[in-house]
Amino acid sequence: MTLIDAHQHFWDPAAVAYPWMDPADAVIHRRYGPEHLAPHLERHGIDGTVLVQSADSDEDADAMFAVAAAFPPVLGIVGYVPLEDPARAAERLAQLSERPGLVGIRTLIHDRPDPDWLLRPSVVDGLRLLEQADLPFDLVAVLPRHLEVLLELAERLPGLRVVIDHLAKPPFSGSGSGDAERWRDLLTAVAAHPGVYAKVSGLYPPPGTDLRPWVDHAMEAFGPERLMLGSDWPIAERAGGFDPVWSALVEVVDGYGPQVAAQLRSETARRFYRLPDPPRASQAAAQRGAR
């Protein structure tokens, strides 16, 4: 069964500025490249990945394309364009689209002080460019308001395909609270729009927390055909590393049975991002054809 990590990063803070990084955070504030990820992919039988931007800058996007060009497991790149400047965004989209691998766009909206930033007229015009290009948008929703904004965007731009990163960060510490109920209600509401998907990724619950009820709700809201699996590595290093984080997610996903698991393991990501066949799958197909 093909396995795709639909959300991972590479970065080098010595070469590109990452304003959100704390230089005192030795776990995160260091270079992470293909040679660090490759052993994890091999160990877990992961066939390919989606490389996602880590800074709202051309420099980060350019660095991703340069690294991915020499690392075949990267099947697609979620880059960055300045949505708030539609003219520049259109120019940059044209430039990035000439390079192999662009499959989506993301902006670190959770680092912006205005939770309604995506509703600004200029940004909506920028998002309309993505809608017209049929290029999906990764949404970093960490506040309930971010999902409320998505509800408005889905009405304004019904053709825009959106994937919510990290299940909009479930409030694990308030599993029986109003925060959890609001998360469930908002996730259900946005899932009513067929162009909205979500990633089972970036989930770092307190020790002893059962992930299954939270993923169950996402399954009920979206169905497996609109959910995909991602490690969020190297952020996962803060939670013990790639291995325990990925293994916990796969254990939950595989618990739904092989047909459902196949959707989250690879099929949804391949369909949503329109990914090419992973290198190993392509090699296997070639070998079958040679017989």
Foldseek 3Di string as FASTA:
>chain_A
DAFEAAEEEFDACVQDPQPVDDCVPVLPNHGDAPVNCVVVCVVVVHQAYEYEFRAQDPRRQVVVLVRCVPPQRHQAYAAEFDQLAQVRRVVVVVVVVVGPHHQAYEDPCVPDPDLLVCVPPSNLSSQVVCLVVVHEYEQAAQDLSNLVSLLVSCVVRVSHAYEYEQLNAQPQVPCPDPSNVSSLVSLLSNLVRVRYAYENEPHQHDPPGQCQVVVVSNCVRNNLLRYAYHYHPPVCVVRVGRVVSRVSSLVNLCVVPDVSSVSHRPVNSCVSRVTDDGPVVVVVVVVVVVD
